[in-house]
Amino acid sequence: MATGTIEQEKNYQVFKNAGGDIMFLIRARLDDAKQPKIVYDGGEHALFYRRSGQTIIFDFIHPGVRDDLKNKSQVLIVEARDGSIVREYVSVIKSLKEVPVPADIAI
């Protein structure tokens, strides 16, 4: 039996600056992130473990940032609501051979 929530982040944005740093801009959640971690395999999808029991799926990662993202050890996460930044924090990235995205969620 699965515990926690799995949700798809439908309107996230990924930015890469001239120095190669990567930032994800996502919808703000009500609570703070705890030990955030992204697992990624270099493909279209990544799983963002925002806190225990809360997994967010980033679908259709743009091909232009996939190689850079796979080679990063961390990224900046910015959570915003109504055009204002609610919180920002660093998330580590863990590389996997294949991200286990649930078939009923990924398109």
C-alpha atoms as a PDB file:
ATOM      1  CA  MET A   1       0.000   0.000   0.000  1.00  0.00           C
ATOM      2  CA  ALA A   2       1.418   3.401  -1.019  1.00  0.00           C
ATOM      3  CA  THR A   3       1.608   6.161   1.536  1.00  0.00           C
ATOM      4  CA  GLY A   4       1.692   9.881   0.917  1.00  0.00           C
ATOM      5  CA  THR A   5       0.699  11.894  -2.100  1.00  0.00           C
ATOM      6  CA  ILE A   6       1.927  11.901  -5.688  1.00  0.00           C
ATOM      7  CA  GLU A   7       1.041  14.904  -7.778  1.00  0.00           C
ATOM      8  CA  GLN A   8       1.971  16.219 -11.178  1.00  0.00           C
ATOM      9  CA  GLU A   9       3.402  19.722 -11.368  1.00  0.00           C
ATOM     10  CA  LYS A  10       1.612  20.981 -14.463  1.00  0.00           C
ATOM     11  CA  ASN A  11       2.981  24.530 -14.777  1.00  0.00           C
ATOM     12  CA  TYR A  12       6.566  24.472 -13.588  1.00  0.00           C
ATOM     13  CA  GLN A  13       9.378  26.325 -15.334  1.00  0.00           C
ATOM     14  CA  VAL A  14      13.074  25.472 -15.529  1.00  0.00           C
ATOM     15  CA  PHE A  15      15.693  28.180 -15.935  1.00  0.00           C
ATOM     16  CA  LYS A  16      19.423  27.906 -16.573  1.00  0.00           C
ATOM     17  CA  ASN A  17      21.682  30.923 -16.053  1.00  0.00           C
ATOM     18  CA  ALA A  18      24.916  31.743 -17.908  1.00  0.00           C
ATOM     19  CA  GLY A  19      26.914  29.973 -15.191  1.00  0.00           C
ATOM     20  CA  GLY A  20      24.957  26.745 -15.730  1.00  0.00           C
ATOM     21  CA  ASP A  21      22.969  26.889 -12.481  1.00  0.00           C
ATOM     22  CA  ILE A  22      19.446  25.464 -12.754  1.00  0.00           C
ATOM     23  CA  MET A  23      16.296  26.694 -11.039  1.00  0.00           C
ATOM     24  CA  PHE A  24      12.825  25.152 -10.917  1.00  0.00           C
ATOM     25  CA  LEU A  25       9.924  27.575 -10.417  1.00  0.00           C
ATOM     26  CA  ILE A  26       6.909  25.739  -9.000  1.00  0.00           C
ATOM     27  CA  ARG A  27       3.540  26.458  -7.392  1.00  0.00           C
ATOM     28  CA  ALA A  28       3.902  27.166  -3.669  1.00  0.00           C
ATOM     29  CA  ARG A  29       2.693  24.507  -1.269  1.00  0.00           C
ATOM     30  CA  LEU A  30       1.231  25.241   2.159  1.00  0.00           C
ATOM     31  CA  ASP A  31       4.085  23.715   4.156  1.00  0.00           C
ATOM     32  CA  ASP A  32       7.865  23.893   4.096  1.00  0.00           C
ATOM     33  CA  ALA A  33      10.011  21.383   2.249  1.00  0.00           C
ATOM     34  CA  LYS A  34      12.021  18.951   4.400  1.00  0.00           C
ATOM     35  CA  GLN A  35      15.173  17.344   2.981  1.00  0.00           C
ATOM     36  CA  PRO A  36      14.096  17.882  -0.650  1.00  0.00           C
ATOM     37  CA  LYS A  37      15.560  15.571  -3.272  1.00  0.00           C
ATOM     38  CA  ILE A  38      15.083  15.181  -7.025  1.00  0.00           C
ATOM     39  CA  VAL A  39      15.691  11.824  -8.686  1.00  0.00           C
ATOM     40  CA  TYR A  40      16.439  12.023 -12.382  1.00  0.00           C
ATOM     41  CA  ASP A  41      17.615   9.725 -15.185  1.00  0.00           C
ATOM     42  CA  GLY A  42      18.294  12.234 -17.989  1.00  0.00           C
ATOM     43  CA  GLY A  43      14.913  11.722 -19.667  1.00  0.00           C
ATOM     44  CA  GLU A  44      11.539  13.455 -19.810  1.00  0.00           C
ATOM     45  CA  HIS A  45      10.532  12.980 -16.168  1.00  0.00           C
ATOM     46  CA  ALA A  46      11.919  13.668 -12.699  1.00  0.00           C
ATOM     47  CA  LEU A  47      10.529  12.906  -9.263  1.00  0.00           C
ATOM     48  CA  PHE A  48      10.774  15.599  -6.620  1.00  0.00           C
ATOM     49  CA  TYR A  49      10.566  14.281  -3.070  1.00  0.00           C
ATOM     50  CA  ARG A  50       9.625  17.562  -1.416  1.00  0.00           C
ATOM     51  CA  ARG A  51       9.124  16.097   2.045  1.00  0.00           C
ATOM     52  CA  SER A  52       8.293  12.709   3.510  1.00  0.00           C
ATOM     53  CA  GLY A  53       5.082  11.449   1.930  1.00  0.00           C
ATOM     54  CA  GLN A  54       4.965  14.137  -0.787  1.00  0.00           C
ATOM     55  CA  THR A  55       6.209  13.383  -4.298  1.00  0.00           C
ATOM     56  CA  ILE A  56       5.864  15.812  -7.198  1.00  0.00           C
ATOM     57  CA  ILE A  57       6.352  14.672 -10.799  1.00  0.00           C
ATOM     58  CA  PHE A  58       8.038  17.029 -13.234  1.00  0.00           C
ATOM     59  CA  ASP A  59       6.834  15.818 -16.641  1.00  0.00           C
ATOM     60  CA  PHE A  60       8.294  16.684 -20.024  1.00  0.00           C
ATOM     61  CA  ILE A  61      11.547  18.293 -18.949  1.00  0.00           C
ATOM     62  CA  HIS A  62      12.798  20.405 -21.841  1.00  0.00           C
ATOM     63  CA  PRO A  63      15.493  18.652 -23.905  1.00  0.00           C
ATOM     64  CA  GLY A  64      17.676  21.773 -23.677  1.00  0.00           C
ATOM     65  CA  VAL A  65      18.292  21.291 -19.941  1.00  0.00           C
ATOM     66  CA  ARG A  66      18.291  17.489 -19.625  1.00  0.00           C
ATOM     67  CA  ASP A  67      22.059  16.926 -19.942  1.00  0.00           C
ATOM     68  CA  ASP A  68      22.845  19.811 -17.594  1.00  0.00           C
ATOM     69  CA  LEU A  69      20.296  18.615 -15.058  1.00  0.00           C
ATOM     70  CA  LYS A  70      21.624  15.054 -15.118  1.00  0.00           C
ATOM     71  CA  ASN A  71      25.117  16.318 -14.330  1.00  0.00           C
ATOM     72  CA  LYS A  72      24.123  18.607 -11.448  1.00  0.00           C
ATOM     73  CA  SER A  73      24.331  17.712  -7.772  1.00  0.00           C
ATOM     74  CA  GLN A  74      21.804  20.354  -6.731  1.00  0.00           C
ATOM     75  CA  VAL A  75      19.307  22.893  -8.066  1.00  0.00           C
ATOM     76  CA  LEU A  76      17.440  25.881  -6.686  1.00  0.00           C
ATOM     77  CA  ILE A  77      13.713  25.440  -6.090  1.00  0.00           C
ATOM     78  CA  VAL A  78      11.555  28.579  -5.977  1.00  0.00           C
ATOM     79  CA  GLU A  79       7.937  28.300  -4.871  1.00  0.00           C
ATOM     80  CA  ALA A  80       5.639  31.153  -5.901  1.00  0.00           C
ATOM     81  CA  ARG A  81       1.995  32.112  -5.554  1.00  0.00           C
ATOM     82  CA  ASP A  82       0.204  34.987  -7.289  1.00  0.00           C
ATOM     83  CA  GLY A  83       3.474  36.321  -8.714  1.00  0.00           C
ATOM     84  CA  SER A  84       5.252  36.446  -5.338  1.00  0.00           C
ATOM     85  CA  ILE A  85       8.019  34.200  -4.078  1.00  0.00           C
ATOM     86  CA  VAL A  86       6.862  32.257  -1.030  1.00  0.00           C
ATOM     87  CA  ARG A  87      10.064  30.299  -0.390  1.00  0.00           C
ATOM     88  CA  GLU A  88      13.297  29.198  -2.019  1.00  0.00           C
ATOM     89  CA  TYR A  89      15.686  26.411  -1.140  1.00  0.00           C
ATOM     90  CA  VAL A  90      18.263  24.041  -2.596  1.00  0.00           C
ATOM     91  CA  SER A  91      17.365  20.479  -3.555  1.00  0.00           C
ATOM     92  CA  VAL A  92      19.939  17.752  -4.108  1.00  0.00           C
ATOM     93  CA  ILE A  93      19.739  15.651  -7.275  1.00  0.00           C
ATOM     94  CA  LYS A  94      20.205  11.889  -7.268  1.00  0.00           C
ATOM     95  CA  SER A  95      20.880  10.231 -10.630  1.00  0.00           C
ATOM     96  CA  LEU A  96      19.142   6.941 -11.357  1.00  0.00           C
ATOM     97  CA  LYS A  97      19.228   4.605 -14.334  1.00  0.00           C
ATOM     98  CA  GLU A  98      15.443   4.920 -14.649  1.00  0.00           C
ATOM     99  CA  VAL A  99      12.950   7.126 -12.802  1.00  0.00           C
ATOM    100  CA  PRO A 100      10.004   5.037 -11.562  1.00  0.00           C
ATOM    101  CA  VAL A 101       7.161   7.291 -12.797  1.00  0.00           C
ATOM    102  CA  PRO A 102       3.726   5.710 -12.225  1.00  0.00           C
ATOM    103  CA  ALA A 103       2.209   4.665 -15.572  1.00  0.00           C
ATOM    104  CA  ASP A 104      -1.218   6.085 -14.723  1.00  0.00           C
ATOM    105  CA  ILE A 105       0.250   9.568 -14.183  1.00  0.00           C
ATOM    106  CA  ALA A 106       2.879   9.936 -16.920  1.00  0.00           C
ATOM    107  CA  ILE A 107       1.538  10.579 -20.396  1.00  0.00           C
END
